[in-house]
Protein backbone atom coordinates (compact mmCIF):
# COMPACT_ATOMS: atom_id res chain seq x y z
CA ALA A 1 -13.60 -9.27 93.32
CA LEU A 2 -15.76 -8.77 90.27
CA ILE A 3 -19.37 -9.68 91.10
CA PHE A 4 -20.73 -9.91 87.57
CA GLN A 5 -19.80 -9.06 84.04
CA VAL A 6 -21.85 -6.88 81.71
CA HIS A 7 -22.09 -8.18 78.15
CA VAL A 8 -21.71 -5.53 75.47
CA ARG A 9 -23.30 -5.95 72.06
CA LEU A 10 -22.83 -3.95 68.89
CA GLU A 11 -25.82 -2.12 67.44
CA VAL A 12 -25.22 -1.33 63.76
CA LEU A 13 -26.88 1.94 62.84
CA ASP A 14 -27.92 0.95 59.31
CA GLU A 15 -30.18 -1.88 58.27
CA GLY A 16 -30.14 -4.18 55.29
CA LEU A 17 -26.44 -4.96 55.46
CA CYS A 18 -24.95 -7.19 52.81
CA ASP A 19 -22.95 -10.29 53.67
CA MET A 20 -19.62 -8.55 53.22
CA CYS A 21 -20.52 -5.74 55.60
CA ARG A 22 -21.75 -8.20 58.20
CA HIS A 23 -18.45 -10.03 57.83
CA MET A 24 -16.54 -6.84 58.56
CA ARG A 25 -18.58 -5.71 61.57
CA LEU A 26 -16.89 -5.64 64.93
CA PRO A 27 -17.04 -8.81 67.04
CA GLU A 28 -18.96 -8.97 70.29
CA ILE A 29 -16.95 -7.42 73.12
CA ARG A 30 -17.23 -8.14 76.81
CA THR A 31 -16.48 -5.51 79.36
CA PRO A 32 -17.04 -5.52 83.13
CA PHE A 33 -18.79 -2.17 83.40
CA GLY A 34 -22.20 -0.94 82.44
CA LEU A 35 -21.88 2.07 80.17
CA SER A 36 -23.28 3.00 76.80
CA MET A 37 -20.58 4.17 74.39
CA VAL A 38 -20.27 5.05 70.73
CA ILE A 39 -17.49 4.40 68.23
CA LYS A 40 -16.74 7.18 65.76
CA ASP A 41 -14.56 7.21 62.67
CA ALA A 42 -11.95 9.82 61.75
CA ALA A 43 -14.63 12.10 60.27
CA GLY A 44 -16.63 12.04 63.49
CA THR A 45 -19.31 9.76 62.12
CA VAL A 46 -20.89 7.42 64.66
CA VAL A 47 -20.23 3.99 63.17
CA ALA A 48 -21.56 1.90 66.02
CA ARG A 49 -23.06 2.15 69.47
CA LEU A 50 -22.11 -0.13 72.34
CA LEU A 51 -25.04 -1.02 74.54
CA CYS A 52 -24.67 -2.89 77.80
CA ALA A 53 -26.92 -5.68 78.99
CA PRO A 54 -26.64 -7.67 82.23
CA PRO A 55 -25.83 -11.38 82.08
CA ALA A 56 -28.61 -13.95 82.07
CA GLY A 57 -30.13 -14.59 85.46
CA LEU A 58 -29.39 -11.11 86.78
CA SER A 59 -31.63 -8.90 84.70
CA GLY A 60 -35.25 -7.99 84.82
CA SER A 61 -37.03 -6.62 81.77
CA GLY A 62 -36.30 -2.93 82.01
CA GLN A 63 -35.92 -0.29 84.69
CA GLY A 64 -39.24 -1.13 86.36
CA ARG A 65 -38.11 -4.58 87.52
CA ALA A 66 -35.15 -5.12 89.78
CA HIS A 67 -33.11 -7.89 91.29
CA PRO A 68 -34.83 -9.19 94.48
CA ARG A 69 -31.90 -8.13 96.71
CA SER A 70 -31.97 -4.54 95.52
CA GLY A 71 -30.82 -1.53 97.45
CA LEU A 72 -29.11 1.08 95.33
CA ARG A 73 -29.68 1.64 91.62
CA PHE A 74 -26.57 1.99 89.50
CA MET A 75 -27.44 4.78 87.07
CA GLY A 76 -24.81 4.05 84.41
CA CYS A 77 -26.99 1.66 82.45
CA PRO A 78 -30.74 0.95 82.41
CA GLY A 79 -30.02 -2.77 82.11
CA MET A 80 -28.16 -3.01 85.42
CA GLU A 81 -30.34 -3.88 88.37
CA LYS A 82 -30.55 -2.50 91.89
CA LEU A 83 -27.65 -3.64 94.01
CA SER A 84 -26.83 -3.66 97.69
CA PHE A 85 -24.31 -1.02 98.71
CA ALA A 86 -21.52 -3.60 99.25
CA ARG A 87 -22.12 -5.21 95.87
CA TRP A 88 -22.24 -1.81 94.23
CA ILE A 89 -18.81 -0.94 95.70
CA ASP A 90 -17.40 -4.26 94.51
CA THR A 91 -18.84 -3.66 91.07
CA LEU A 92 -17.38 -0.15 90.95
CA ALA A 93 -13.97 -1.53 91.95
CA GLY A 94 -14.19 -4.09 89.16
CA MET A 95 -15.13 -1.38 86.73
CA PHE A 96 -11.95 0.62 87.40
CA ARG A 97 -9.88 -2.53 87.46
CA TYR A 98 -10.84 -3.30 83.85
CA LEU A 99 -11.42 0.22 82.54
CA PHE A 100 -7.98 0.73 81.02
CA PRO A 101 -7.90 -2.49 78.94
CA ALA A 102 -11.47 -1.83 77.81
CA LEU A 103 -10.51 1.65 76.61
CA LEU A 104 -7.61 0.12 74.70
CA VAL A 105 -10.07 -2.19 72.94
CA MET A 106 -12.31 0.79 72.15
CA GLY A 107 -9.32 2.70 70.78
CA PHE A 108 -8.37 -0.24 68.57
CA PHE A 109 -11.77 -0.25 66.87
CA ALA A 110 -12.25 3.53 66.86
CA PHE A 111 -8.99 4.32 65.03
CA PRO A 112 -8.30 1.47 62.59
CA PRO A 113 -6.55 3.71 60.01
CA ALA A 114 -3.68 4.27 62.44
CA LEU A 115 -2.98 0.54 62.43
CA ALA A 116 -2.60 0.42 58.65
CA ARG A 117 0.12 3.04 58.33
CA ALA A 118 3.06 0.67 58.57
CA GLU A 119 4.20 0.26 54.95
CA THR A 120 5.01 -3.17 53.53
CA PRO A 121 8.54 -3.32 52.08
CA GLY A 122 8.37 -2.72 48.33
CA MET A 123 4.91 -1.16 48.49
CA GLY A 124 6.22 2.35 47.86
CA ALA A 125 7.98 1.26 44.65
CA GLY A 126 4.85 -0.52 43.48
CA ILE A 127 2.66 2.53 44.09
CA ALA A 128 5.20 4.80 42.35
CA ALA A 129 5.27 2.52 39.30
CA TYR A 130 1.48 2.35 39.21
CA GLU A 131 1.09 6.13 39.42
CA ALA A 132 3.76 6.61 36.73
CA GLY A 133 1.83 4.33 34.38
CA ALA A 134 4.53 1.62 34.40
CA PHE A 135 1.94 -1.10 34.85
CA ASP A 136 4.17 -4.06 33.93
CA LYS A 137 6.59 -3.09 36.70
CA ALA A 138 3.73 -2.31 39.07
CA LYS A 139 2.18 -5.73 38.47
CA THR A 140 5.52 -7.47 39.13
CA ILE A 141 5.84 -5.69 42.48
CA LEU A 142 2.22 -5.53 43.62
CA LEU A 143 0.89 -8.96 42.70
CA PRO A 144 3.10 -10.89 45.19
CA LEU A 145 2.20 -8.34 47.88
CA ALA A 146 -1.49 -8.73 47.09
CA GLU A 147 -1.22 -12.52 47.24
CA ALA A 148 0.52 -12.12 50.62
CA GLY A 149 -2.53 -10.20 51.90
CA ASN A 150 -1.59 -6.51 51.63
CA PRO A 151 -4.98 -4.73 51.24
CA HIS A 152 -3.75 -1.71 49.27
CA ALA A 153 -1.83 -3.96 46.88
CA GLN A 154 -5.01 -6.01 46.46
CA TYR A 155 -6.95 -2.85 45.67
CA LEU A 156 -4.41 -1.69 43.06
CA VAL A 157 -4.30 -5.12 41.42
CA GLY A 158 -8.09 -4.98 41.31
CA ASP A 159 -7.83 -1.60 39.59
CA MET A 160 -5.45 -3.06 37.01
CA TYR A 161 -7.91 -5.83 36.19
CA TYR A 162 -10.78 -3.31 36.09
CA GLU A 163 -8.96 -1.03 33.63
CA GLY A 164 -7.08 -3.78 31.73
CA GLN A 165 -3.68 -2.32 32.62
CA SER A 166 -0.91 -4.85 31.86
CA VAL A 167 -3.54 -7.62 32.16
CA VAL A 168 -6.57 -8.67 30.15
CA GLN A 169 -9.55 -6.66 31.41
CA ASN A 170 -11.53 -8.90 33.74
CA TYR A 171 -14.28 -7.47 35.94
CA GLY A 172 -14.68 -10.76 37.80
CA ALA A 173 -11.00 -10.74 38.81
CA ALA A 174 -11.31 -7.07 39.79
CA ILE A 175 -14.25 -7.90 42.06
CA ASP A 176 -12.28 -10.77 43.63
CA TRP A 177 -9.34 -8.52 44.49
CA TYR A 178 -11.54 -5.65 45.66
CA THR A 179 -13.41 -8.09 47.88
CA LYS A 180 -10.19 -9.35 49.47
CA ALA A 181 -9.12 -5.78 50.21
CA GLY A 182 -12.62 -4.80 51.34
CA LYS A 183 -12.78 -7.57 53.89
CA GLN A 184 -9.73 -5.98 55.49
CA GLY A 185 -11.51 -2.64 55.67
CA HIS A 186 -9.92 -0.93 52.63
CA ALA A 187 -12.22 2.02 52.00
CA GLN A 188 -11.40 2.55 48.31
CA ALA A 189 -11.97 -1.13 47.56
CA LEU A 190 -15.36 -0.96 49.28
CA GLY A 191 -16.19 2.14 47.24
CA ALA A 192 -15.16 0.37 44.02
CA LEU A 193 -17.39 -2.61 44.86
CA GLY A 194 -20.22 -0.18 45.60
CA TYR A 195 -19.74 1.51 42.22
CA MET A 196 -19.78 -1.82 40.38
CA ALA A 197 -22.91 -2.99 42.21
CA ASN A 198 -24.62 0.37 41.63
CA ASN A 199 -23.91 0.35 37.90
CA GLY A 200 -24.09 -3.38 37.22
CA VAL A 201 -20.46 -3.62 36.11
CA GLY A 202 -19.23 -7.23 36.24
CA THR A 203 -22.16 -8.16 38.46
CA SER A 204 -25.92 -7.78 38.62
CA GLN A 205 -27.17 -4.30 39.47
CA ASP A 206 -28.02 -4.16 43.18
CA ASP A 207 -29.00 -0.83 44.78
CA LYS A 208 -29.21 -2.27 48.28
CA LYS A 209 -25.75 -3.82 48.16
CA ALA A 210 -24.29 -0.66 46.60
CA LEU A 211 -25.76 1.49 49.36
CA CYS A 212 -24.41 -0.84 52.02
CA LEU A 213 -20.90 -0.74 50.55
CA PHE A 214 -20.97 3.05 50.06
CA ILE A 215 -21.99 3.48 53.72
CA ASP A 216 -19.10 1.32 54.90
CA ALA A 217 -16.57 3.10 52.66
CA ALA A 218 -17.93 6.55 53.58
CA ARG A 219 -17.65 5.83 57.29
CA ARG A 220 -14.04 4.88 56.74
CA GLY A 221 -13.42 8.35 55.30
CA TYR A 222 -13.53 7.71 51.54
CA ALA A 223 -14.66 10.99 49.96
CA ASN A 224 -16.01 9.49 46.71
CA ALA A 225 -18.26 7.15 48.69
CA GLN A 226 -19.42 10.07 50.81
CA TRP A 227 -20.38 11.94 47.65
CA ASN A 228 -22.23 8.89 46.29
CA LEU A 229 -24.16 8.64 49.55
CA ALA A 230 -25.03 12.33 49.36
CA ARG A 231 -26.40 11.80 45.84
CA HIS A 232 -28.36 8.76 46.99
CA TYR A 233 -30.06 10.69 49.80
CA TRP A 234 -30.66 13.75 47.63
CA LYS A 235 -32.59 11.62 45.11
CA ARG A 236 -34.70 10.28 47.96
CA ARG A 237 -35.15 13.71 49.58
CA HIS A 238 -33.49 12.73 52.84
CA TRP A 239 -32.16 16.24 53.23
CA GLU A 240 -30.48 15.84 56.63
CA ARG A 241 -28.46 12.80 55.53
CA TYR A 242 -27.73 14.45 52.19
CA GLU A 243 -26.26 17.51 53.91
CA TYR A 244 -24.32 15.34 56.37
CA TRP A 245 -22.45 13.37 53.70
CA LEU A 246 -22.12 16.28 51.28
CA VAL A 247 -20.29 18.35 53.90
CA ARG A 248 -17.93 15.47 54.69
CA ALA A 249 -17.07 14.92 51.04
CA GLU A 250 -16.67 18.66 50.53
CA ARG A 251 -14.25 18.96 53.48
CA GLN A 252 -12.02 16.35 51.85
CA GLY A 253 -12.00 18.27 48.59
CA ASN A 254 -14.19 15.98 46.52
CA PRO A 255 -14.69 17.98 43.29
CA TYR A 256 -18.29 16.84 42.76
CA ALA A 257 -19.27 17.86 46.29
CA LEU A 258 -17.45 21.21 45.92
CA GLY A 259 -19.18 21.89 42.61
CA ARG A 260 -22.60 21.03 44.04
CA GLN A 261 -22.11 23.22 47.10
CA ALA A 262 -20.91 26.11 44.91
CA GLU A 263 -24.05 25.86 42.76
CA VAL A 264 -26.27 25.96 45.85
CA TRP A 265 -24.59 29.19 47.00
CA LEU A 266 -24.69 30.74 43.53
CA LEU A 267 -28.43 30.10 43.26
CA ASN A 268 -29.19 31.47 46.72
CA PRO A 269 -30.65 34.97 46.21
CA LEU A 270 -29.91 35.90 49.83
CA GLU A 271 -26.20 35.12 49.46
CA PHE A 272 -24.76 38.36 48.03
CA ASP A 273 -21.09 37.53 48.55
CA LYS A 274 -20.30 34.69 46.15
CA THR A 275 -16.56 34.57 46.93
CA LYS A 276 -16.70 31.18 48.62
CA ALA A 277 -18.82 29.75 45.80
CA TYR A 278 -16.26 30.96 43.24
CA LEU A 279 -13.45 29.52 45.36
CA TYR A 280 -15.14 26.12 45.46
CA LEU A 281 -15.65 26.23 41.68
CA MET A 282 -11.96 27.02 41.20
CA VAL A 283 -10.83 24.16 43.44
CA ALA A 284 -13.19 21.72 41.69
CA ALA A 285 -12.10 22.98 38.25
CA ARG A 286 -8.44 22.54 39.22
CA LYS A 287 -9.29 18.89 39.98
CA GLY A 288 -10.81 18.44 36.54
CA HIS A 289 -14.53 18.77 37.33
CA GLU A 290 -16.04 19.58 33.93
CA ASN A 291 -19.21 21.29 35.20
CA SER A 292 -17.18 23.65 37.39
CA ILE A 293 -14.82 24.47 34.51
CA GLN A 294 -17.79 25.34 32.29
CA ARG A 295 -19.54 27.34 35.03
CA LEU A 296 -16.45 29.46 35.71
CA LYS A 297 -16.08 30.13 31.99
CA GLU A 298 -19.69 31.35 31.79
CA ILE A 299 -19.26 33.61 34.86
CA ARG A 300 -16.06 35.17 33.54
CA GLU A 301 -17.53 35.80 30.10
CA ALA A 302 -20.56 37.65 31.51
CA PRO A 303 -19.75 38.73 35.08
CA SER A 304 -22.38 40.31 37.28
CA LEU A 305 -21.90 43.67 39.03
CA PHE A 306 -19.85 42.34 41.96
CA ALA A 307 -18.50 39.16 40.32
CA VAL A 308 -15.16 40.63 39.13
CA GLU A 309 -14.07 41.71 42.60
CA GLN A 310 -15.31 38.50 44.21
CA LEU A 311 -13.56 36.37 41.60
CA GLN A 312 -10.31 38.21 42.33
CA ARG A 313 -10.72 37.55 46.06
CA ALA A 314 -11.39 33.88 45.35
CA GLU A 315 -8.23 33.65 43.24
CA GLN A 316 -6.22 35.14 46.09
CA LEU A 317 -7.65 32.54 48.49
CA LEU A 318 -7.09 29.63 46.14
CA PRO A 319 -3.41 28.92 47.09
CA THR A 320 -4.37 28.78 50.78
CA TRP A 321 -7.27 26.37 50.34
CA ARG A 322 -6.47 23.20 52.31
């Protein structure tokens, strides 16, 4: 029999969250065992930490105080009090009894993208029409899906209102649709809301809200938001956080992050082999990054002593870049 239940609360790792982010945070979870766990996103970022705390009436205030009938300290969690051996065994049995369902709950929150892969009928045709520039057809297909609650359709309809594609440009309507998608955890919609808040487009300029939205989108794996976070921390000289988000955006092939990393390597006097820097410039240039296109042009017009050979190696590596 389970003697007591440990209540688990969610500790959000960033402060100053806006109302939307608070709305999207994970609910309180209850689990019968006392362990501290973390939830990570697909990029390995710790998005939340689960901390255990004993139920009211059983806890003291820290490791120094214990339950009066104490015998053996359970070391899994500082909040759990000393227990008699028999109660400890019962608690351990309860822990294994509920471990599997608890891990399923953890898996549900840790890997939300896997749950969104099932495609809504008609969505593929709507996306194809949107990408082909057939916005009248895309609107006809996507709008009913968006009204039915499909988050990606809501995001694309928001984009159409933002750009004025087959509809009258309306930033307020774009924000409404992005918000609906964002509340379902759509990373690109969160990033779009962050961009609009950061630049005061269709809303008042709000750095705090923009940062909050960029953090949420970045943790969900959106490369543009990761790059925006890197820029934010670079301006504030938070070098560790800057490097953290820059690397994540770079790994996903964000052209701005690739161009920035290439410039760092090119300016490093101790880095004699610039092959990787040239490769990053080529990848970014292929994705339309203007600064990388211009930088490559300058290098090719006046190459240094070893630049020609290193450029050739970079060109050979380009087709194999992920």
